[in-house]
Amino acid sequence: MSGPAVRVQVPATSANLGPAFDCAGLALTLHDAVEFAVADEGLAVEVSGVGAGELPADERHLVVRSFRAACDLLGWSPPGLRVRAVNAIPQGRGMGSSAAAVVAGVVGAFELCPDAGTRDDGAVLRLVSELEGHPDNVAACLLGGATLSWTTPEGARADRLPVSDEVLPVVLVPDGTLSTHTARTLLPAAVPHCDAAYNAARAALLVHALIAEPGLLLEATDDRLHQRQRAAAMPGTLALVDRLRAAGHAAVVSGAGPSVLVLTRRRPGDEPAGDLSGVRSLTLEGWRVYPLEVDHRGACVSPVPPGVSSS
C-alpha cells in the first residue's frame, strides 16, 4: 500500500434477537479487518480468511461497491484503490457478513476522502442502511453494543443500549448457509393482530432484559412473527432453538439464520461455565460453538503507514 491508508475493523452482528424483527441488533467480538489505500491507478483486491478464493476480487466485491457508493455521495473519486480484507465472520449464516462489508467500505471511503472532515455517523448509517436494505445489522456493526434502529422519511436512525455485563452471547454455526433473500420470501404478507401484540410486548421486555434484568431473557426472546414461519428453510435451526429453549436457554435464530444465538449469563464473580456447558451439551452434531462477548466499539479505524500492512 503506497498512498494514504486506513484499516477498518468491523464486528459480526446478530439481528432481531427474537421478537425485535428488523429493529434490534447486537455486535459480537468476531471481526473482519479491511485495509484501504489510495493508489495512483487501478484496483487491487486481496481477500484472506473466510471467503478467500470465493469472493470476487474486482469491482463486484461488496466492500468495493460500498466504497464507491460512499465516494459518489462524497463527490470524490480516488485515482486508484488497493483493498486488503482479512475475514473471520462466517458468510451466509446470519452473522452480518454483508453488513460488515458494507460498513467497512463506507467507513473506509469517509476516512480516506480528503474533504470529508469528521465522520458523520448519521450520514454513514443512512447510506449503509440503503445499501443493505434494512438498518438492524449495519447499525450494530457501525455503533457497537446492542442497538435499536428505525426508519424516518429522512432515512435510518439508531441508538445504542447499555447492555448488562451479565449478557454473554454464544453463536452456534452450522455447515450450511441460507441467503437473507430466500429467508425473507417465506415471511407472510400479514400477521394476526394477537401475534403482533405478543411480539410488541416481548420486544419491549427485551430492552429491559438486556439493560437491567438478564434473568428475563428467556421470556423476552420469544417470537411469533418470523422464526417459525421460516422453519421450512432451516428445520435443523428451529429444532435446535426449541431444544435449547426447552432447557431454559434464551436461544433465537441469528438474523435470517441458519445460525443460532444464545444469550447466556455471566454470574457475578464467576465464569458462565454452567450456561456454556449446558449449551454445548445440547448442541447438535455439525454445529460449531462460538463463545463471544458483546462488542462495544463497533467499526474501528486505525491509520496504516504507507507501504506497511497491519494484517
C-alpha atoms as a PDB file:
ATOM      1  CA  MET A   1       0.000   0.000   0.000  1.00  0.00           C
ATOM      2  CA  SER A   2       1.731   3.141  -1.231  1.00  0.00           C
ATOM      3  CA  GLY A   3      -0.746   6.001  -0.624  1.00  0.00           C
ATOM      4  CA  PRO A   4      -2.893   7.220   2.282  1.00  0.00           C
ATOM      5  CA  ALA A   5      -4.267   4.125   4.005  1.00  0.00           C
ATOM      6  CA  VAL A   6      -6.594   3.138   6.823  1.00  0.00           C
ATOM      7  CA  ARG A   7      -7.607  -0.098   8.491  1.00  0.00           C
ATOM      8  CA  VAL A   8     -11.285  -0.605   9.336  1.00  0.00           C
ATOM      9  CA  GLN A   9     -12.217  -3.363  11.785  1.00  0.00           C
ATOM     10  CA  VAL A  10     -15.902  -4.327  11.773  1.00  0.00           C
ATOM     11  CA  PRO A  11     -17.744  -6.761  14.074  1.00  0.00           C
ATOM     12  CA  ALA A  12     -20.105  -9.607  13.326  1.00  0.00           C
ATOM     13  CA  THR A  13     -23.689  -8.913  14.326  1.00  0.00           C
ATOM     14  CA  SER A  14     -26.867 -10.759  15.168  1.00  0.00           C
ATOM     15  CA  ALA A  15     -30.186  -9.136  14.307  1.00  0.00           C
ATOM     16  CA  ASN A  16     -33.778  -9.485  15.564  1.00  0.00           C
ATOM     17  CA  LEU A  17     -32.790 -11.096  18.898  1.00  0.00           C
ATOM     18  CA  GLY A  18     -36.075 -12.979  18.734  1.00  0.00           C
ATOM     19  CA  PRO A  19     -39.068 -10.614  18.752  1.00  0.00           C
ATOM     20  CA  ALA A  20     -37.475  -7.302  17.660  1.00  0.00           C
ATOM     21  CA  PHE A  21     -37.670  -8.086  13.945  1.00  0.00           C
ATOM     22  CA  ASP A  22     -35.702  -5.713  11.696  1.00  0.00           C
ATOM     23  CA  CYS A  23     -35.016  -3.245  14.514  1.00  0.00           C
ATOM     24  CA  ALA A  24     -32.646  -4.797  17.084  1.00  0.00           C
ATOM     25  CA  GLY A  25     -29.033  -5.773  16.571  1.00  0.00           C
ATOM     26  CA  LEU A  26     -26.105  -6.938  18.689  1.00  0.00           C
ATOM     27  CA  ALA A  27     -22.414  -6.514  17.846  1.00  0.00           C
ATOM     28  CA  LEU A  28     -20.197  -9.518  18.566  1.00  0.00           C
ATOM     29  CA  THR A  29     -16.469  -9.967  19.180  1.00  0.00           C
ATOM     30  CA  LEU A  30     -15.713 -11.643  15.860  1.00  0.00           C
ATOM     31  CA  HIS A  31     -14.271  -9.332  13.234  1.00  0.00           C
ATOM     32  CA  ASP A  32     -13.337  -8.674   9.640  1.00  0.00           C
ATOM     33  CA  ALA A  33     -10.485  -6.222   9.078  1.00  0.00           C
ATOM     34  CA  VAL A  34     -10.186  -4.307   5.804  1.00  0.00           C
ATOM     35  CA  GLU A  35      -7.313  -2.073   4.726  1.00  0.00           C
ATOM     36  CA  PHE A  36      -7.867   0.628   2.116  1.00  0.00           C
ATOM     37  CA  ALA A  37      -5.158   2.613   0.349  1.00  0.00           C
ATOM     38  CA  VAL A  38      -5.322   5.264  -2.327  1.00  0.00           C
ATOM     39  CA  ALA A  39      -3.164   4.296  -5.304  1.00  0.00           C
ATOM     40  CA  ASP A  40      -2.067   6.020  -8.484  1.00  0.00           C
ATOM     41  CA  GLU A  41      -4.369   3.919 -10.654  1.00  0.00           C
ATOM     42  CA  GLY A  42      -6.403   0.732 -10.969  1.00  0.00           C
ATOM     43  CA  LEU A  43      -7.970  -1.567  -8.413  1.00  0.00           C
ATOM     44  CA  ALA A  44      -6.399  -4.447  -6.481  1.00  0.00           C
ATOM     45  CA  VAL A  45      -8.417  -6.606  -4.065  1.00  0.00           C
ATOM     46  CA  GLU A  46      -6.891  -9.243  -1.799  1.00  0.00           C
ATOM     47  CA  VAL A  47      -9.015 -11.492   0.434  1.00  0.00           C
ATOM     48  CA  SER A  48      -7.732 -13.901   3.085  1.00  0.00           C
ATOM     49  CA  GLY A  49      -9.546 -15.904   5.720  1.00  0.00           C
ATOM     50  CA  VAL A  50     -13.255 -16.577   5.213  1.00  0.00           C
ATOM     51  CA  GLY A  51     -14.226 -16.234   1.546  1.00  0.00           C
ATOM     52  CA  ALA A  52     -10.677 -16.394   0.181  1.00  0.00           C
ATOM     53  CA  GLY A  53     -10.774 -17.768  -3.360  1.00  0.00           C
ATOM     54  CA  GLU A  54     -14.585 -17.454  -3.436  1.00  0.00           C
ATOM     55  CA  LEU A  55     -15.325 -13.740  -3.204  1.00  0.00           C
ATOM     56  CA  PRO A  56     -14.776 -11.587  -6.303  1.00  0.00           C
ATOM     57  CA  ALA A  57     -11.505  -9.655  -6.445  1.00  0.00           C
ATOM     58  CA  ASP A  58     -12.782  -6.795  -8.611  1.00  0.00           C
ATOM     59  CA  GLU A  59     -15.472  -4.103  -8.671  1.00  0.00           C
ATOM     60  CA  ARG A  60     -18.115  -6.720  -7.799  1.00  0.00           C
ATOM     61  CA  HIS A  61     -16.744  -7.157  -4.276  1.00  0.00           C
ATOM     62  CA  LEU A  62     -19.299  -5.771  -1.802  1.00  0.00           C
ATOM     63  CA  VAL A  63     -16.661  -3.790   0.086  1.00  0.00           C
ATOM     64  CA  VAL A  64     -15.590  -2.103  -3.150  1.00  0.00           C
ATOM     65  CA  ARG A  65     -19.174  -1.417  -4.255  1.00  0.00           C
ATOM     66  CA  SER A  66     -19.919   0.154  -0.882  1.00  0.00           C
ATOM     67  CA  PHE A  67     -16.720   2.204  -1.010  1.00  0.00           C
ATOM     68  CA  ARG A  68     -17.698   3.503  -4.465  1.00  0.00           C
ATOM     69  CA  ALA A  69     -21.217   4.370  -3.271  1.00  0.00           C
ATOM     70  CA  ALA A  70     -19.762   6.442  -0.451  1.00  0.00           C
ATOM     71  CA  CYS A  71     -17.375   8.133  -2.891  1.00  0.00           C
ATOM     72  CA  ASP A  72     -20.352   9.092  -5.054  1.00  0.00           C
ATOM     73  CA  LEU A  73     -22.060  10.608  -2.019  1.00  0.00           C
ATOM     74  CA  LEU A  74     -18.916  12.495  -1.089  1.00  0.00           C
ATOM     75  CA  GLY A  75     -18.206  13.660  -4.640  1.00  0.00           C
ATOM     76  CA  TRP A  76     -14.733  12.096  -4.570  1.00  0.00           C
ATOM     77  CA  SER A  77     -13.047   9.678  -6.932  1.00  0.00           C
ATOM     78  CA  PRO A  78      -9.622   8.296  -5.920  1.00  0.00           C
ATOM     79  CA  PRO A  79      -7.291   7.642  -8.874  1.00  0.00           C
ATOM     80  CA  GLY A  80      -6.725   4.063  -7.747  1.00  0.00           C
ATOM     81  CA  LEU A  81      -7.592   1.797  -4.843  1.00  0.00           C
ATOM     82  CA  ARG A  82      -5.977  -1.094  -3.005  1.00  0.00           C
ATOM     83  CA  VAL A  83      -8.138  -3.253  -0.700  1.00  0.00           C
ATOM     84  CA  ARG A  84      -6.902  -5.999   1.608  1.00  0.00           C
ATOM     85  CA  ALA A  85      -9.557  -7.910   3.593  1.00  0.00           C
ATOM     86  CA  VAL A  86      -8.869 -10.387   6.381  1.00  0.00           C
ATOM     87  CA  ASN A  87     -12.195 -12.056   7.143  1.00  0.00           C
ATOM     88  CA  ALA A  88     -13.293 -14.057  10.183  1.00  0.00           C
ATOM     89  CA  ILE A  89     -17.084 -13.631  10.050  1.00  0.00           C
ATOM     90  CA  PRO A  90     -18.886 -16.712   8.650  1.00  0.00           C
ATOM     91  CA  GLN A  91     -20.779 -15.824   5.470  1.00  0.00           C
ATOM     92  CA  GLY A  92     -24.378 -16.645   4.635  1.00  0.00           C
ATOM     93  CA  ARG A  93     -25.113 -17.735   8.187  1.00  0.00           C
ATOM     94  CA  GLY A  94     -26.984 -14.842   9.784  1.00  0.00           C
ATOM     95  CA  MET A  95     -23.977 -13.163  11.411  1.00  0.00           C
ATOM     96  CA  GLY A  96     -23.961  -9.937   9.444  1.00  0.00           C
ATOM     97  CA  SER A  97     -21.136 -10.613   6.988  1.00  0.00           C
ATOM     98  CA  SER A  98     -22.723  -8.428   4.303  1.00  0.00           C
ATOM     99  CA  ALA A  99     -23.411  -5.665   6.830  1.00  0.00           C
ATOM    100  CA  ALA A 100     -19.761  -5.791   7.885  1.00  0.00           C
ATOM    101  CA  ALA A 101     -18.618  -5.466   4.265  1.00  0.00           C
ATOM    102  CA  VAL A 102     -20.968  -2.546   3.616  1.00  0.00           C
ATOM    103  CA  VAL A 103     -19.944  -0.703   6.788  1.00  0.00           C
ATOM    104  CA  ALA A 104     -16.245  -1.309   6.132  1.00  0.00           C
ATOM    105  CA  GLY A 105     -16.481   0.056   2.590  1.00  0.00           C
ATOM    106  CA  VAL A 106     -18.450   3.181   3.500  1.00  0.00           C
ATOM    107  CA  VAL A 107     -16.371   3.974   6.584  1.00  0.00           C
ATOM    108  CA  GLY A 108     -13.171   3.458   4.584  1.00  0.00           C
ATOM    109  CA  ALA A 109     -14.298   5.995   1.990  1.00  0.00           C
ATOM    110  CA  PHE A 110     -15.333   8.550   4.613  1.00  0.00           C
ATOM    111  CA  GLU A 111     -11.969   8.172   6.352  1.00  0.00           C
ATOM    112  CA  LEU A 112      -9.877   8.487   3.199  1.00  0.00           C
ATOM    113  CA  CYS A 113     -11.803  11.231   1.411  1.00  0.00           C
ATOM    114  CA  PRO A 114      -9.695  14.394   1.854  1.00  0.00           C
ATOM    115  CA  ASP A 115     -12.755  16.659   2.018  1.00  0.00           C
ATOM    116  CA  ALA A 116     -14.981  14.544   4.277  1.00  0.00           C
ATOM    117  CA  GLY A 117     -13.895  16.132   7.559  1.00  0.00           C
ATOM    118  CA  THR A 118     -15.009  14.450  10.798  1.00  0.00           C
ATOM    119  CA  ARG A 119     -17.002  11.318  10.026  1.00  0.00           C
ATOM    120  CA  ASP A 120     -20.737  11.831  10.340  1.00  0.00           C
ATOM    121  CA  ASP A 121     -22.105   8.523  11.682  1.00  0.00           C
ATOM    122  CA  GLY A 122     -25.639   9.675  10.900  1.00  0.00           C
ATOM    123  CA  ALA A 123     -24.792  10.054   7.222  1.00  0.00           C
ATOM    124  CA  VAL A 124     -22.890   6.764   7.270  1.00  0.00           C
ATOM    125  CA  LEU A 125     -25.852   4.963   8.849  1.00  0.00           C
ATOM    126  CA  ARG A 126     -28.290   6.319   6.280  1.00  0.00           C
ATOM    127  CA  LEU A 127     -26.092   5.195   3.396  1.00  0.00           C
ATOM    128  CA  VAL A 128     -25.214   1.740   4.755  1.00  0.00           C
ATOM    129  CA  SER A 129     -28.898   1.120   5.531  1.00  0.00           C
ATOM    130  CA  GLU A 130     -29.821   1.979   1.945  1.00  0.00           C
ATOM    131  CA  LEU A 131     -27.132  -0.337   0.624  1.00  0.00           C
ATOM    132  CA  GLU A 132     -28.017  -3.207   2.991  1.00  0.00           C
ATOM    133  CA  GLY A 133     -31.780  -2.754   2.687  1.00  0.00           C
ATOM    134  CA  HIS A 134     -32.505  -2.562   6.429  1.00  0.00           C
ATOM    135  CA  PRO A 135     -30.686  -0.944   9.360  1.00  0.00           C
ATOM    136  CA  ASP A 136     -30.599  -3.593  12.111  1.00  0.00           C
ATOM    137  CA  ASN A 137     -27.256  -5.281  11.369  1.00  0.00           C
ATOM    138  CA  VAL A 138     -25.462  -2.240   9.988  1.00  0.00           C
ATOM    139  CA  ALA A 139     -26.453  -0.109  12.987  1.00  0.00           C
ATOM    140  CA  ALA A 140     -24.942  -2.583  15.451  1.00  0.00           C
ATOM    141  CA  CYS A 141     -21.871  -3.034  13.241  1.00  0.00           C
ATOM    142  CA  LEU A 142     -21.284   0.701  12.996  1.00  0.00           C
ATOM    143  CA  LEU A 143     -22.091   1.733  16.572  1.00  0.00           C
ATOM    144  CA  GLY A 144     -21.310  -1.406  18.593  1.00  0.00           C
ATOM    145  CA  GLY A 145     -23.203  -2.875  21.534  1.00  0.00           C
ATOM    146  CA  ALA A 146     -26.925  -3.522  21.240  1.00  0.00           C
ATOM    147  CA  THR A 147     -28.791  -1.108  19.008  1.00  0.00           C
ATOM    148  CA  LEU A 148     -32.359  -0.200  18.206  1.00  0.00           C
ATOM    149  CA  SER A 149     -32.912   1.160  14.700  1.00  0.00           C
ATOM    150  CA  TRP A 150     -35.849   2.673  12.894  1.00  0.00           C
ATOM    151  CA  THR A 151     -36.563   4.489   9.653  1.00  0.00           C
ATOM    152  CA  THR A 152     -37.820   8.021   9.066  1.00  0.00           C
ATOM    153  CA  PRO A 153     -38.616   9.973   5.886  1.00  0.00           C
ATOM    154  CA  GLU A 154     -35.037  11.249   6.075  1.00  0.00           C
ATOM    155  CA  GLY A 155     -33.541   7.759   6.373  1.00  0.00           C
ATOM    156  CA  ALA A 156     -32.450   5.301   9.034  1.00  0.00           C
ATOM    157  CA  ARG A 157     -31.679   6.224  12.622  1.00  0.00           C
ATOM    158  CA  ALA A 158     -30.341   4.176  15.534  1.00  0.00           C
ATOM    159  CA  ASP A 159     -29.356   4.379  19.171  1.00  0.00           C
ATOM    160  CA  ARG A 160     -27.352   2.175  21.497  1.00  0.00           C
ATOM    161  CA  LEU A 161     -28.494   0.328  24.608  1.00  0.00           C
ATOM    162  CA  PRO A 162     -26.253  -0.051  27.702  1.00  0.00           C
ATOM    163  CA  VAL A 163     -26.096  -3.866  27.744  1.00  0.00           C
ATOM    164  CA  SER A 164     -25.696  -5.519  31.124  1.00  0.00           C
ATOM    165  CA  ASP A 165     -22.254  -7.037  31.757  1.00  0.00           C
ATOM    166  CA  GLU A 166     -24.043 -10.290  32.614  1.00  0.00           C
ATOM    167  CA  VAL A 167     -25.106 -10.860  28.998  1.00  0.00           C
ATOM    168  CA  LEU A 168     -22.807 -13.225  27.117  1.00  0.00           C
ATOM    169  CA  PRO A 169     -23.644 -14.210  23.526  1.00  0.00           C
ATOM    170  CA  VAL A 170     -22.875 -17.678  22.179  1.00  0.00           C
ATOM    171  CA  VAL A 171     -23.368 -18.336  18.469  1.00  0.00           C
ATOM    172  CA  LEU A 172     -23.925 -21.823  17.091  1.00  0.00           C
ATOM    173  CA  VAL A 173     -22.998 -22.050  13.419  1.00  0.00           C
ATOM    174  CA  PRO A 174     -23.996 -24.931  11.103  1.00  0.00           C
ATOM    175  CA  ASP A 175     -22.173 -26.043   7.984  1.00  0.00           C
ATOM    176  CA  GLY A 176     -24.999 -24.966   5.660  1.00  0.00           C
ATOM    177  CA  THR A 177     -25.796 -21.434   4.514  1.00  0.00           C
ATOM    178  CA  LEU A 178     -29.006 -19.527   3.844  1.00  0.00           C
ATOM    179  CA  SER A 179     -29.424 -16.274   1.943  1.00  0.00           C
ATOM    180  CA  THR A 180     -31.346 -13.452   3.584  1.00  0.00           C
ATOM    181  CA  HIS A 181     -33.388 -13.059   0.398  1.00  0.00           C
ATOM    182  CA  THR A 182     -34.502 -16.690   0.490  1.00  0.00           C
ATOM    183  CA  ALA A 183     -35.423 -16.436   4.162  1.00  0.00           C
ATOM    184  CA  ARG A 184     -37.469 -13.275   3.604  1.00  0.00           C
ATOM    185  CA  THR A 185     -39.511 -14.802   0.794  1.00  0.00           C
ATOM    186  CA  LEU A 186     -41.004 -17.223   3.340  1.00  0.00           C
ATOM    187  CA  LEU A 187     -42.488 -14.480   5.513  1.00  0.00           C
ATOM    188  CA  PRO A 188     -46.259 -13.910   5.245  1.00  0.00           C
ATOM    189  CA  ALA A 189     -47.564 -10.582   3.984  1.00  0.00           C
ATOM    190  CA  ALA A 190     -49.766 -10.155   7.082  1.00  0.00           C
ATOM    191  CA  VAL A 191     -49.809 -11.499  10.645  1.00  0.00           C
ATOM    192  CA  PRO A 192     -52.608 -11.859  13.212  1.00  0.00           C
ATOM    193  CA  HIS A 193     -53.108  -8.856  15.488  1.00  0.00           C
ATOM    194  CA  CYS A 194     -52.612 -11.051  18.569  1.00  0.00           C
ATOM    195  CA  ASP A 195     -49.179 -12.152  17.325  1.00  0.00           C
ATOM    196  CA  ALA A 196     -48.158  -8.548  16.609  1.00  0.00           C
ATOM    197  CA  ALA A 197     -49.225  -7.553  20.120  1.00  0.00           C
ATOM    198  CA  TYR A 198     -47.359 -10.543  21.576  1.00  0.00           C
ATOM    199  CA  ASN A 199     -44.139  -9.531  19.838  1.00  0.00           C
ATOM    200  CA  ALA A 200     -44.514  -5.859  20.771  1.00  0.00           C
ATOM    201  CA  ALA A 201     -44.686  -6.854  24.441  1.00  0.00           C
ATOM    202  CA  ARG A 202     -41.697  -9.191  24.132  1.00  0.00           C
ATOM    203  CA  ALA A 203     -39.625  -6.591  22.237  1.00  0.00           C
ATOM    204  CA  ALA A 204     -40.247  -4.041  24.984  1.00  0.00           C
ATOM    205  CA  LEU A 205     -39.335  -6.633  27.611  1.00  0.00           C
ATOM    206  CA  LEU A 206     -36.187  -7.474  25.621  1.00  0.00           C
ATOM    207  CA  VAL A 207     -34.868  -3.934  26.092  1.00  0.00           C
ATOM    208  CA  HIS A 208     -35.383  -4.173  29.858  1.00  0.00           C
ATOM    209  CA  ALA A 209     -33.784  -7.634  29.988  1.00  0.00           C
ATOM    210  CA  LEU A 210     -30.693  -6.557  28.052  1.00  0.00           C
ATOM    211  CA  ILE A 211     -30.180  -3.451  30.173  1.00  0.00           C
ATOM    212  CA  ALA A 212     -31.179  -4.454  33.697  1.00  0.00           C
ATOM    213  CA  GLU A 213     -32.736  -7.919  34.091  1.00  0.00           C
ATOM    214  CA  PRO A 214     -30.944 -10.645  32.100  1.00  0.00           C
ATOM    215  CA  GLY A 215     -32.918 -13.209  34.074  1.00  0.00           C
ATOM    216  CA  LEU A 216     -35.896 -12.296  31.877  1.00  0.00           C
ATOM    217  CA  LEU A 217     -34.110 -13.034  28.578  1.00  0.00           C
ATOM    218  CA  LEU A 218     -35.805 -16.399  28.016  1.00  0.00           C
ATOM    219  CA  GLU A 219     -39.268 -14.842  28.084  1.00  0.00           C
ATOM    220  CA  ALA A 220     -38.083 -11.656  26.357  1.00  0.00           C
ATOM    221  CA  THR A 221     -36.695 -13.504  23.323  1.00  0.00           C
ATOM    222  CA  ASP A 222     -39.859 -15.411  22.421  1.00  0.00           C
ATOM    223  CA  ASP A 223     -41.152 -14.708  18.908  1.00  0.00           C
ATOM    224  CA  ARG A 224     -44.268 -15.328  16.840  1.00  0.00           C
ATOM    225  CA  LEU A 225     -43.600 -13.247  13.712  1.00  0.00           C
ATOM    226  CA  HIS A 226     -40.695 -14.658  11.722  1.00  0.00           C
ATOM    227  CA  GLN A 227     -38.798 -17.642  13.133  1.00  0.00           C
ATOM    228  CA  ARG A 228     -41.380 -20.400  12.901  1.00  0.00           C
ATOM    229  CA  GLN A 229     -42.530 -19.045   9.532  1.00  0.00           C
ATOM    230  CA  ARG A 230     -39.076 -19.776   8.068  1.00  0.00           C
ATOM    231  CA  ALA A 231     -38.710 -23.256   9.514  1.00  0.00           C
ATOM    232  CA  ALA A 232     -39.020 -24.928   6.110  1.00  0.00           C
ATOM    233  CA  ALA A 233     -35.747 -23.328   5.010  1.00  0.00           C
ATOM    234  CA  MET A 234     -33.853 -24.327   8.163  1.00  0.00           C
ATOM    235  CA  PRO A 235     -35.581 -27.124  10.096  1.00  0.00           C
ATOM    236  CA  GLY A 236     -32.387 -28.019  11.947  1.00  0.00           C
ATOM    237  CA  THR A 237     -32.070 -24.476  13.228  1.00  0.00           C
ATOM    238  CA  LEU A 238     -35.585 -24.375  14.639  1.00  0.00           C
ATOM    239  CA  ALA A 239     -35.116 -27.828  16.167  1.00  0.00           C
ATOM    240  CA  LEU A 240     -32.000 -26.623  17.965  1.00  0.00           C
ATOM    241  CA  VAL A 241     -33.710 -23.410  19.117  1.00  0.00           C
ATOM    242  CA  ASP A 242     -36.596 -25.472  20.534  1.00  0.00           C
ATOM    243  CA  ARG A 243     -34.191 -27.879  22.234  1.00  0.00           C
ATOM    244  CA  LEU A 244     -32.253 -25.068  23.901  1.00  0.00           C
ATOM    245  CA  ARG A 245     -35.309 -23.060  24.936  1.00  0.00           C
ATOM    246  CA  ALA A 246     -36.943 -26.149  26.466  1.00  0.00           C
ATOM    247  CA  ALA A 247     -33.838 -26.430  28.657  1.00  0.00           C
ATOM    248  CA  GLY A 248     -34.135 -22.786  29.755  1.00  0.00           C
ATOM    249  CA  HIS A 249     -31.654 -21.107  27.396  1.00  0.00           C
ATOM    250  CA  ALA A 250     -32.546 -17.844  25.619  1.00  0.00           C
ATOM    251  CA  ALA A 251     -31.969 -19.162  22.089  1.00  0.00           C
ATOM    252  CA  VAL A 252     -33.116 -17.451  18.886  1.00  0.00           C
ATOM    253  CA  VAL A 253     -32.418 -17.613  15.175  1.00  0.00           C
ATOM    254  CA  SER A 254     -29.489 -15.305  14.468  1.00  0.00           C
ATOM    255  CA  GLY A 255     -30.698 -12.818  11.883  1.00  0.00           C
ATOM    256  CA  ALA A 256     -32.121 -14.661   8.879  1.00  0.00           C
ATOM    257  CA  GLY A 257     -30.337 -17.843  10.016  1.00  0.00           C
ATOM    258  CA  PRO A 258     -29.309 -20.543   9.889  1.00  0.00           C
ATOM    259  CA  SER A 259     -27.053 -19.814  12.901  1.00  0.00           C
ATOM    260  CA  VAL A 260     -28.470 -19.760  16.430  1.00  0.00           C
ATOM    261  CA  LEU A 261     -27.751 -17.046  19.003  1.00  0.00           C
ATOM    262  CA  VAL A 262     -27.923 -17.954  22.683  1.00  0.00           C
ATOM    263  CA  LEU A 263     -27.863 -15.147  25.238  1.00  0.00           C
ATOM    264  CA  THR A 264     -26.225 -16.768  28.252  1.00  0.00           C
ATOM    265  CA  ARG A 265     -25.372 -15.061  31.537  1.00  0.00           C
ATOM    266  CA  ARG A 266     -22.177 -14.258  33.383  1.00  0.00           C
ATOM    267  CA  ARG A 267     -22.794 -14.738  37.083  1.00  0.00           C
ATOM    268  CA  PRO A 268     -21.257 -12.081  39.391  1.00  0.00           C
ATOM    269  CA  GLY A 269     -17.695 -13.091  40.213  1.00  0.00           C
ATOM    270  CA  ASP A 270     -17.947 -16.275  38.190  1.00  0.00           C
ATOM    271  CA  GLU A 271     -17.497 -17.545  34.652  1.00  0.00           C
ATOM    272  CA  PRO A 272     -20.586 -18.753  32.747  1.00  0.00           C
ATOM    273  CA  ALA A 273     -19.302 -22.340  32.700  1.00  0.00           C
ATOM    274  CA  GLY A 274     -22.649 -23.764  33.720  1.00  0.00           C
ATOM    275  CA  ASP A 275     -24.584 -21.950  30.993  1.00  0.00           C
ATOM    276  CA  LEU A 276     -21.968 -22.613  28.332  1.00  0.00           C
ATOM    277  CA  SER A 277     -21.521 -26.263  29.231  1.00  0.00           C
ATOM    278  CA  GLY A 278     -25.285 -26.673  29.101  1.00  0.00           C
ATOM    279  CA  VAL A 279     -25.418 -25.081  25.654  1.00  0.00           C
ATOM    280  CA  ARG A 280     -22.583 -27.304  24.436  1.00  0.00           C
ATOM    281  CA  SER A 281     -24.254 -30.454  25.734  1.00  0.00           C
ATOM    282  CA  LEU A 282     -27.478 -29.618  23.900  1.00  0.00           C
ATOM    283  CA  THR A 283     -25.874 -28.534  20.627  1.00  0.00           C
ATOM    284  CA  LEU A 284     -26.390 -30.997  17.816  1.00  0.00           C
ATOM    285  CA  GLU A 285     -23.566 -32.577  15.842  1.00  0.00           C
ATOM    286  CA  GLY A 286     -22.372 -30.488  12.907  1.00  0.00           C
ATOM    287  CA  TRP A 287     -22.611 -27.134  14.708  1.00  0.00           C
ATOM    288  CA  ARG A 288     -19.625 -25.011  15.696  1.00  0.00           C
ATOM    289  CA  VAL A 289     -19.812 -23.190  19.030  1.00  0.00           C
ATOM    290  CA  TYR A 290     -18.542 -19.585  19.185  1.00  0.00           C
ATOM    291  CA  PRO A 291     -18.438 -18.259  22.781  1.00  0.00           C
ATOM    292  CA  LEU A 292     -18.235 -14.484  22.281  1.00  0.00           C
ATOM    293  CA  GLU A 293     -18.695 -11.171  24.068  1.00  0.00           C
ATOM    294  CA  VAL A 294     -20.672  -8.069  23.197  1.00  0.00           C
ATOM    295  CA  ASP A 295     -18.525  -5.790  21.020  1.00  0.00           C
ATOM    296  CA  HIS A 296     -18.987  -2.305  22.467  1.00  0.00           C
ATOM    297  CA  ARG A 297     -16.776  -0.486  19.962  1.00  0.00           C
ATOM    298  CA  GLY A 298     -18.379  -1.069  16.586  1.00  0.00           C
ATOM    299  CA  ALA A 299     -16.465  -0.038  13.471  1.00  0.00           C
ATOM    300  CA  CYS A 300     -12.933   0.981  14.483  1.00  0.00           C
ATOM    301  CA  VAL A 301     -10.471   2.854  12.292  1.00  0.00           C
ATOM    302  CA  SER A 302      -6.695   2.988  12.590  1.00  0.00           C
ATOM    303  CA  PRO A 303      -4.102   4.503  10.249  1.00  0.00           C
ATOM    304  CA  VAL A 304      -1.793   2.317   8.191  1.00  0.00           C
ATOM    305  CA  PRO A 305       1.597   3.854   7.345  1.00  0.00           C
ATOM    306  CA  PRO A 306       2.244   3.982   3.583  1.00  0.00           C
ATOM    307  CA  GLY A 307       3.860   0.796   2.354  1.00  0.00           C
ATOM    308  CA  VAL A 308       3.016  -1.118   5.541  1.00  0.00           C
ATOM    309  CA  SER A 309       0.293  -3.712   6.139  1.00  0.00           C
ATOM    310  CA  SER A 310      -1.046  -4.301   9.635  1.00  0.00           C
ATOM    311  CA  SER A 311      -2.844  -7.525   8.655  1.00  0.00           C
END
